[in-house]
Amino acid sequence: SEGPSRREFLGFTLAVLPVSAAFADAKSVDTMEAARAIYGSAIFKLQGKSTADIANAKDTFKSFVADATRFVDPTAQALTDLSNDIIAAAEKGDAAAAQTALSEFVTIGNLEDLDNIPGRGTADQKQKK
């Protein structure tokens, strides 16, 4: 018989699978911090804005969850669900529901306006040079 049997191959595949799954979500800390500064600050600033502004930020929410959290992070799913609720409420024109869900998103995501913190935000000119 040439090569491993199906049983041997399956055993090897199952043994390696957890390791490869761990590397599948290997985002750098720099990538996550940049996403938090760019997208997180933008989401934070949506508090008090119109439902049209919130609805237009649909991709910002997706980018934040995709780039600022790890796939295995339990908050990633909660933030995804909340962002869907926020956008749905905004598209319906329900400002109260959108702002309530947005407030919860900001709390769970631990968001702040990083643009006003020297060296952290995207508006910091020293960082851009």
Foldseek 3Di string as FASTA:
>chain_A
DPDDDPVVVVVVCVVCVVVVVVVVQDADPVQLLQLLQVLLLLLVVCQPPFLVSLLVCLVSLVSNLNGNDTPPDPCSVVSVVLSVQLNVCSVVRNVVSNNVSSVVSCVSVVGDNQLPPAPRHPVRPVVVD
